[in-house]
Amino acid sequence: MLSIVLFGAPGAGKGTQSKMLVEKYNLTYISTGDILRKEIAAGTEIGIQAKDIINQGGLVDDEIIVQIIEKTIENSTTGGILFDGFPRTVVQAYILEGLLHRMNRRLLCLLSLEAPREMLIERMLKRASIEGRDDDKKEVILNRFQEYDKKTIPVAEFYKEKGIYCPVDGVGSVEEVFARLETIIDKTLENAYRNIILYGAPGSGRGTQAKNLAKKYDLVYVSTGAMIRDEIEKGSEIGMESKIYIERGDNVPDLIAIKLIEQKISNNPNARGFLFKGFPSTYVQAYIMDGILEKIHTSVTCMIEMQSNTLQCIRRLTQRSKTEKRRVYDMDPEIIIHRLESYENSAANVRSYYQKKNKYYNVNSDAPVDVVFETLCKTVDEALKKA
């Protein structure tokens, strides 16, 4: 889901632009200022605690902020979240990271509306004369800017280090500024990481389809099987260690797979994403995959299971054993059956792992190759829109 922070000094126009962004991208609007003002108007316990602080231009205690944000996120049913007025401190930036991580979300970008200070003060004084807000009195405005300069500007540095800080010219008409915001969001979405897992039984046709999908969606193809075969052919230490497992039709130790996958990722620093085939194949490996991707600040976009009749899988593997593409484990019917049994024993848990994350999809891979590919593309498109 889409998660965005709209950032900027008091009077930068966050409220106006937020309303338009919420409508355009179907987002839940979280403005700590608006929520706190409602709490104050309702005379709630939180409102009473926050009233004096807000009227003096100060920042409300993080304990209060976390309570209202957590509740709002949990009740959200839209396509994402737009944060306005949060985070305002580096501590709150860490809090937001933790909240989103717990809810399996990630911040897409921080959009910073930027305008000259004199213009912002003029806007706020004008707003005060129209709306009569207590926190728009001149002495309070100046205090708010002091708080902003002292505590909030470092937040920009926090997100610059993460590479998701996007400055936006806030001078111009409402429509002009909104167009700039749209351009940045759409471009960021277009360039966002896309990580697809193609899952399925041996003989379900993953190899052919995975390469085609990787090419179509401009992803780096990551096949643990292919990488291990390369290591075996080179006679490397990893290859010699892996050979015993491969000949039995077993998975190689997880540490070997981790090393090879991380090396592949490291060798492709400019990748827009990856298509994984052959990993994860177990419930534990699903956790490992999340850990690998977390290290590069991304996550799994979707897992697509290619479901095929067992007899069809056996038939395909047997046919492959008679070609130059044969694998050592295609030659022995008992090893074929062992590999299929291993898949069946792990599939339910792996499937459940991604179903709980709302990232699971499946296609029938018994159809002709071109029909399966067309179905896979439609499934990927659906998953990308949802993500």
Protein backbone atom coordinates (compact mmCIF):
# COMPACT_ATOMS: atom_id res chain seq x y z
CA MET A 1 0.00 0.00 0.00
CA LEU A 2 1.03 3.58 -0.70
CA SER A 3 2.46 5.44 2.31
CA ILE A 4 3.57 9.06 1.91
CA VAL A 5 4.65 11.87 4.22
CA LEU A 6 3.77 15.45 3.24
CA PHE A 7 6.37 17.61 4.92
CA GLY A 8 7.05 21.31 5.23
CA ALA A 9 7.17 24.35 7.50
CA PRO A 10 3.99 25.85 8.99
CA GLY A 11 1.97 27.55 6.26
CA ALA A 12 3.57 25.53 3.44
CA GLY A 13 0.16 24.41 2.17
CA LYS A 14 0.20 20.82 3.41
CA GLY A 15 -3.49 20.80 4.35
CA THR A 16 -4.71 21.98 0.94
CA GLN A 17 -2.48 19.63 -1.03
CA SER A 18 -3.25 16.70 1.29
CA LYS A 19 -6.95 16.83 0.45
CA MET A 20 -6.19 16.61 -3.26
CA LEU A 21 -3.66 13.80 -2.81
CA VAL A 22 -6.08 11.80 -0.67
CA GLU A 23 -8.72 11.97 -3.40
CA LYS A 24 -6.31 11.27 -6.28
CA TYR A 25 -4.60 8.24 -4.71
CA ASN A 26 -7.38 6.94 -2.41
CA LEU A 27 -5.45 7.51 0.81
CA THR A 28 -6.34 7.72 4.48
CA TYR A 29 -5.43 11.19 5.71
CA ILE A 30 -3.55 11.37 8.99
CA SER A 31 -3.03 14.93 10.18
CA THR A 32 -1.95 14.93 13.81
CA GLY A 33 -2.97 18.58 14.04
CA ASP A 34 -6.50 17.95 12.77
CA ILE A 35 -6.96 14.85 14.90
CA LEU A 36 -5.76 16.63 18.02
CA ARG A 37 -8.06 19.60 17.35
CA LYS A 38 -10.98 17.17 17.14
CA GLU A 39 -9.90 15.60 20.42
CA ILE A 40 -9.74 19.06 22.00
CA ALA A 41 -13.20 20.00 20.66
CA ALA A 42 -14.61 16.73 22.00
CA GLY A 43 -13.01 17.33 25.40
CA THR A 44 -11.35 13.92 25.48
CA GLU A 45 -8.53 13.06 27.85
CA ILE A 46 -6.03 13.34 25.01
CA GLY A 47 -7.54 16.65 23.94
CA ILE A 48 -7.25 18.12 27.43
CA GLN A 49 -3.60 17.07 27.65
CA ALA A 50 -2.79 18.53 24.24
CA LYS A 51 -4.73 21.82 24.39
CA ASP A 52 -2.27 23.97 26.32
CA ILE A 53 0.72 22.64 24.38
CA ILE A 54 -0.84 23.38 20.97
CA ASN A 55 -2.03 26.85 21.96
CA GLN A 56 1.51 27.74 22.97
CA GLY A 57 2.92 26.48 19.66
CA GLY A 58 4.69 23.49 21.19
CA LEU A 59 4.87 19.86 20.03
CA VAL A 60 2.58 17.32 21.65
CA ASP A 61 4.16 14.43 23.55
CA ASP A 62 5.02 11.39 21.41
CA GLU A 63 2.98 9.06 23.62
CA ILE A 64 -0.17 10.94 22.62
CA ILE A 65 0.78 11.10 18.94
CA VAL A 66 1.52 7.36 18.71
CA GLN A 67 -1.85 6.46 20.21
CA ILE A 68 -3.88 8.45 17.71
CA ILE A 69 -1.80 7.42 14.67
CA GLU A 70 -1.77 3.73 15.52
CA LYS A 71 -5.54 3.71 15.94
CA THR A 72 -6.07 5.50 12.62
CA ILE A 73 -3.77 3.18 10.65
CA GLU A 74 -5.39 0.07 12.10
CA ASN A 75 -8.85 1.33 11.06
CA SER A 76 -7.71 2.30 7.56
CA THR A 77 -9.38 0.51 4.61
CA THR A 78 -8.07 2.68 1.74
CA GLY A 79 -5.20 2.20 -0.69
CA GLY A 80 -2.66 3.80 1.59
CA ILE A 81 -1.78 6.49 4.11
CA LEU A 82 -0.88 10.17 3.78
CA PHE A 83 0.84 11.63 6.83
CA ASP A 84 0.58 15.39 7.33
CA GLY A 85 2.43 16.89 10.30
CA PHE A 86 4.10 13.65 11.28
CA PRO A 87 6.95 12.95 11.77
CA ARG A 88 8.07 16.31 13.17
CA THR A 89 11.14 15.06 15.00
CA VAL A 90 13.81 12.45 14.33
CA VAL A 91 12.42 10.39 17.20
CA GLN A 92 9.01 10.43 15.51
CA ALA A 93 10.68 9.37 12.25
CA TYR A 94 11.96 6.25 14.00
CA ILE A 95 8.51 5.73 15.55
CA LEU A 96 6.90 5.88 12.09
CA GLU A 97 9.42 3.39 10.71
CA GLY A 98 8.52 1.00 13.52
CA LEU A 99 4.76 1.47 13.09
CA LEU A 100 4.90 0.85 9.34
CA HIS A 101 7.21 -2.14 9.74
CA ARG A 102 4.85 -3.75 12.25
CA MET A 103 1.96 -3.30 9.81
CA ASN A 104 3.96 -4.65 6.84
CA ARG A 105 4.10 -1.24 5.16
CA ARG A 106 6.92 0.91 3.85
CA LEU A 107 7.21 4.66 3.28
CA LEU A 108 7.36 5.44 -0.44
CA CYS A 109 8.63 9.01 -0.13
CA LEU A 110 8.68 12.19 1.92
CA LEU A 111 7.43 15.18 -0.10
CA SER A 112 8.75 18.46 1.28
CA LEU A 113 6.84 21.63 0.29
CA GLU A 114 9.35 24.47 0.25
CA ALA A 115 8.68 28.23 0.16
CA PRO A 116 10.30 31.45 1.50
CA ARG A 117 9.76 32.06 5.22
CA GLU A 118 8.23 35.52 4.69
CA MET A 119 5.61 34.06 2.37
CA LEU A 120 4.72 31.36 4.89
CA ILE A 121 4.22 33.87 7.72
CA GLU A 122 2.01 35.99 5.48
CA ARG A 123 -0.10 32.94 4.59
CA MET A 124 -0.58 32.01 8.23
CA LEU A 125 -1.59 35.51 9.31
CA LYS A 126 -4.13 35.59 6.50
CA ARG A 127 -5.45 32.20 7.59
CA ALA A 128 -5.74 33.45 11.16
CA SER A 129 -7.95 36.35 10.07
CA ILE A 130 -10.23 33.94 8.20
CA GLU A 131 -10.35 30.87 10.46
CA GLY A 132 -9.57 32.43 13.84
CA ARG A 133 -7.19 29.64 14.88
CA ASP A 134 -5.43 30.26 18.21
CA ASP A 135 -2.20 28.73 16.91
CA ASP A 136 -2.00 31.30 14.06
CA LYS A 137 -1.34 34.35 16.25
CA LYS A 138 1.93 36.05 15.30
CA GLU A 139 3.78 35.26 18.53
CA VAL A 140 2.67 31.65 18.28
CA ILE A 141 3.66 31.52 14.60
CA LEU A 142 7.18 32.68 15.40
CA ASN A 143 7.41 30.10 18.19
CA ARG A 144 6.27 27.38 15.81
CA PHE A 145 8.99 28.30 13.34
CA GLN A 146 11.59 28.15 16.12
CA GLU A 147 10.35 24.67 17.03
CA TYR A 148 10.40 23.69 13.35
CA ASP A 149 13.96 24.91 12.81
CA LYS A 150 15.20 23.23 15.97
CA LYS A 151 13.45 19.85 15.84
CA THR A 152 11.90 19.24 12.44
CA ILE A 153 14.56 20.19 9.89
CA PRO A 154 16.76 17.25 11.07
CA VAL A 155 13.92 14.98 9.92
CA ALA A 156 14.79 15.98 6.35
CA GLU A 157 18.31 14.68 6.88
CA PHE A 158 16.92 11.39 8.22
CA TYR A 159 14.98 10.77 5.01
CA LYS A 160 17.74 12.10 2.76
CA GLU A 161 19.94 9.32 4.15
CA LYS A 162 17.20 6.81 3.28
CA GLY A 163 17.07 8.23 -0.25
CA ILE A 164 13.34 9.03 -0.20
CA TYR A 165 13.41 12.78 0.52
CA CYS A 166 11.79 14.76 -2.34
CA PRO A 167 11.84 18.59 -2.23
CA VAL A 168 8.92 20.25 -4.01
CA ASP A 169 8.62 23.89 -5.01
CA GLY A 170 5.66 25.15 -2.96
CA VAL A 171 5.40 28.53 -4.70
CA GLY A 172 2.64 28.93 -7.27
CA SER A 173 -1.04 28.17 -7.62
CA VAL A 174 -2.60 25.23 -5.82
CA GLU A 175 -2.91 23.40 -9.14
CA GLU A 176 0.72 24.03 -10.10
CA VAL A 177 2.05 22.71 -6.79
CA PHE A 178 -0.25 19.69 -6.97
CA ALA A 179 0.99 18.86 -10.48
CA ARG A 180 4.56 18.82 -9.14
CA LEU A 181 3.54 16.47 -6.34
CA GLU A 182 1.76 14.15 -8.79
CA THR A 183 4.80 13.99 -11.06
CA ILE A 184 7.11 12.97 -8.22
CA ILE A 185 4.72 10.35 -6.79
CA ASP A 186 4.03 8.76 -10.17
CA LYS A 187 7.71 8.69 -11.08
CA THR A 188 8.61 7.21 -7.69
CA LEU A 189 5.94 4.53 -8.09
CA GLU A 190 7.22 3.73 -11.56
CA ASN A 191 10.78 3.30 -10.26
CA ALA A 192 9.82 1.46 -7.08
CA TYR A 193 11.35 -1.95 -6.47
CA ARG A 194 9.34 -4.91 -7.74
CA ASN A 195 10.27 -8.26 -6.28
CA ILE A 196 8.38 -11.27 -7.60
CA ILE A 197 8.63 -14.87 -6.40
CA LEU A 198 7.62 -17.55 -8.90
CA TYR A 199 6.77 -20.63 -6.86
CA GLY A 200 5.68 -24.11 -7.86
CA ALA A 201 6.47 -27.79 -8.04
CA PRO A 202 9.38 -29.18 -10.07
CA GLY A 203 8.09 -29.51 -13.62
CA SER A 204 5.44 -26.80 -13.25
CA GLY A 205 7.15 -24.72 -15.94
CA ARG A 206 8.67 -22.02 -13.74
CA GLY A 207 12.01 -21.78 -15.55
CA THR A 208 10.62 -20.80 -18.95
CA GLN A 209 8.04 -18.40 -17.54
CA ALA A 210 10.40 -16.81 -15.01
CA LYS A 211 12.88 -15.73 -17.68
CA ASN A 212 10.11 -14.30 -19.85
CA LEU A 213 8.57 -12.40 -16.92
CA ALA A 214 11.93 -10.99 -15.85
CA LYS A 215 12.49 -9.67 -19.37
CA LYS A 216 9.01 -8.16 -19.68
CA TYR A 217 9.11 -6.35 -16.32
CA ASP A 218 12.81 -5.41 -16.50
CA LEU A 219 13.75 -7.50 -13.46
CA VAL A 220 16.96 -9.34 -12.65
CA TYR A 221 16.36 -13.09 -12.88
CA VAL A 222 17.57 -14.91 -9.75
CA SER A 223 17.51 -18.70 -10.01
CA THR A 224 19.21 -20.42 -7.10
CA GLY A 225 19.28 -23.65 -9.10
CA ALA A 226 21.08 -22.01 -12.02
CA MET A 227 23.56 -20.28 -9.72
CA ILE A 228 24.34 -23.53 -7.91
CA ARG A 229 24.82 -25.38 -11.20
CA ASP A 230 27.27 -22.67 -12.26
CA GLU A 231 29.19 -23.12 -9.00
CA ILE A 232 29.30 -26.89 -9.50
CA GLU A 233 30.57 -26.45 -13.06
CA LYS A 234 33.29 -24.06 -11.83
CA GLY A 235 34.28 -26.55 -9.14
CA SER A 236 34.08 -23.89 -6.45
CA GLU A 237 33.88 -24.65 -2.75
CA ILE A 238 30.16 -23.77 -2.76
CA GLY A 239 29.68 -25.95 -5.82
CA MET A 240 31.35 -29.00 -4.27
CA GLU A 241 29.36 -28.57 -1.07
CA SER A 242 26.11 -28.22 -3.01
CA LYS A 243 26.65 -31.12 -5.40
CA ILE A 244 25.78 -33.80 -2.84
CA TYR A 245 22.42 -32.19 -2.08
CA ILE A 246 21.56 -31.56 -5.73
CA GLU A 247 22.24 -35.16 -6.74
CA ARG A 248 19.82 -36.34 -4.04
CA GLY A 249 17.18 -33.85 -5.16
CA ASP A 250 17.37 -31.95 -1.84
CA ASN A 251 17.58 -28.24 -1.11
CA VAL A 252 21.07 -26.93 -0.45
CA PRO A 253 21.72 -25.49 3.05
CA ASP A 254 20.07 -22.10 3.51
CA LEU A 255 23.38 -20.33 4.12
CA ILE A 256 24.60 -21.27 0.64
CA ALA A 257 21.43 -19.94 -0.97
CA ILE A 258 21.70 -16.71 1.06
CA LYS A 259 25.29 -16.11 -0.08
CA LEU A 260 24.44 -16.66 -3.73
CA ILE A 261 21.30 -14.48 -3.66
CA GLU A 262 23.02 -11.61 -1.85
CA GLN A 263 25.92 -11.79 -4.30
CA LYS A 264 23.49 -11.58 -7.22
CA ILE A 265 21.76 -8.57 -5.66
CA SER A 266 25.10 -6.90 -4.93
CA ASN A 267 26.19 -7.38 -8.55
CA ASN A 268 23.07 -5.53 -9.79
CA PRO A 269 23.00 -2.22 -7.87
CA ASN A 270 20.88 -0.47 -10.50
CA ALA A 271 18.19 -3.16 -10.70
CA ARG A 272 14.54 -2.12 -10.54
CA GLY A 273 13.78 -5.37 -8.81
CA PHE A 274 14.27 -9.11 -8.91
CA LEU A 275 12.38 -12.21 -9.99
CA PHE A 276 13.18 -15.16 -7.73
CA LYS A 277 12.79 -18.75 -8.86
CA GLY A 278 13.69 -21.66 -6.58
CA PHE A 279 13.83 -19.60 -3.40
CA PRO A 280 12.05 -19.56 -1.05
CA SER A 281 10.90 -23.16 -1.14
CA THR A 282 10.22 -23.60 2.59
CA TYR A 283 8.47 -21.68 5.35
CA VAL A 284 11.79 -20.78 6.98
CA GLN A 285 13.17 -19.57 3.66
CA ALA A 286 10.19 -17.23 3.32
CA TYR A 287 11.38 -15.50 6.49
CA ILE A 288 14.94 -15.50 5.16
CA MET A 289 13.79 -13.86 1.93
CA ASP A 290 12.17 -11.04 3.88
CA GLY A 291 15.42 -10.60 5.79
CA ILE A 292 17.49 -10.47 2.60
CA LEU A 293 15.25 -7.85 1.02
CA GLU A 294 14.99 -5.80 4.22
CA LYS A 295 18.76 -5.26 4.04
CA ILE A 296 18.27 -3.34 0.77
CA HIS A 297 15.17 -1.53 2.08
CA THR A 298 12.63 -3.37 -0.04
CA SER A 299 10.24 -6.32 0.24
CA VAL A 300 8.38 -9.00 -1.70
CA THR A 301 5.77 -7.53 -4.03
CA CYS A 302 3.98 -10.79 -4.72
CA MET A 303 4.38 -14.56 -4.71
CA ILE A 304 2.78 -16.41 -7.62
CA GLU A 305 2.32 -20.16 -7.36
CA MET A 306 2.25 -22.08 -10.62
CA GLN A 307 -0.15 -24.94 -9.92
CA SER A 308 0.21 -28.03 -12.08
CA ASN A 309 -1.10 -31.57 -12.06
CA THR A 310 1.48 -33.97 -10.55
CA LEU A 311 1.35 -36.30 -13.56
CA GLN A 312 1.94 -33.34 -15.83
CA CYS A 313 5.01 -32.36 -13.76
CA ILE A 314 6.40 -35.89 -13.99
CA ARG A 315 5.76 -35.96 -17.73
CA ARG A 316 7.61 -32.65 -18.24
CA LEU A 317 10.59 -33.69 -16.12
CA THR A 318 10.82 -37.00 -17.92
CA GLN A 319 10.73 -35.26 -21.30
CA ARG A 320 13.43 -32.81 -20.18
CA SER A 321 15.66 -35.73 -19.17
CA LYS A 322 15.87 -36.65 -22.84
CA THR A 323 17.13 -33.20 -23.92
CA GLU A 324 20.32 -31.16 -23.51
CA LYS A 325 18.52 -29.17 -20.76
CA ARG A 326 18.30 -32.23 -18.52
CA ARG A 327 19.29 -31.98 -14.87
CA VAL A 328 21.07 -34.70 -12.95
CA TYR A 329 17.96 -35.15 -10.82
CA ASP A 330 15.74 -35.67 -13.90
CA MET A 331 17.33 -39.06 -14.63
CA ASP A 332 15.98 -40.99 -11.65
CA PRO A 333 12.19 -41.41 -11.22
CA GLU A 334 12.62 -41.90 -7.47
CA ILE A 335 14.41 -38.57 -7.13
CA ILE A 336 11.66 -36.88 -9.16
CA ILE A 337 9.04 -38.28 -6.80
CA HIS A 338 11.16 -37.25 -3.78
CA ARG A 339 11.36 -33.66 -5.05
CA LEU A 340 7.62 -33.52 -5.67
CA GLU A 341 6.93 -34.90 -2.20
CA SER A 342 9.24 -32.28 -0.66
CA TYR A 343 7.31 -29.58 -2.48
CA GLU A 344 3.96 -30.91 -1.26
CA ASN A 345 5.24 -31.07 2.31
CA SER A 346 6.35 -27.42 2.26
CA ALA A 347 3.79 -25.81 -0.04
CA ALA A 348 0.93 -25.33 2.43
CA ASN A 349 3.05 -23.40 4.92
CA VAL A 350 4.76 -21.27 2.26
CA ARG A 351 1.39 -20.54 0.67
CA SER A 352 -0.04 -19.56 4.06
CA TYR A 353 2.90 -17.25 4.77
CA TYR A 354 2.17 -15.08 1.74
CA GLN A 355 -1.60 -15.36 2.03
CA LYS A 356 -1.39 -13.73 5.46
CA LYS A 357 0.56 -10.87 3.89
CA ASN A 358 -2.02 -10.56 1.07
CA LYS A 359 0.76 -11.22 -1.45
CA TYR A 360 -0.26 -14.68 -2.67
CA TYR A 361 -1.53 -15.39 -6.20
CA ASN A 362 -1.81 -18.57 -8.27
CA VAL A 363 -2.17 -19.58 -11.91
CA ASN A 364 -2.90 -22.86 -13.64
CA SER A 365 0.31 -23.79 -15.45
CA ASP A 366 -1.06 -26.82 -17.31
CA ALA A 367 -2.25 -24.63 -20.20
CA PRO A 368 -0.09 -23.91 -23.29
CA VAL A 369 3.04 -21.86 -22.57
CA ASP A 370 1.78 -18.65 -24.23
CA VAL A 371 -1.56 -18.85 -22.40
CA VAL A 372 0.18 -19.34 -19.06
CA PHE A 373 2.45 -16.37 -19.75
CA GLU A 374 -0.50 -14.14 -20.59
CA THR A 375 -2.21 -15.17 -17.35
CA LEU A 376 0.98 -14.56 -15.39
CA CYS A 377 1.32 -11.05 -16.84
CA LYS A 378 -2.25 -10.19 -15.88
CA THR A 379 -1.57 -11.51 -12.39
CA VAL A 380 1.64 -9.48 -12.04
CA ASP A 381 -0.14 -6.32 -13.25
CA GLU A 382 -2.86 -6.87 -10.68
CA ALA A 383 -0.32 -7.43 -7.93
CA LEU A 384 1.66 -4.30 -8.86
CA LYS A 385 -1.47 -2.14 -8.77
CA LYS A 386 -2.40 -3.56 -5.40
CA ALA A 387 1.11 -3.10 -4.06
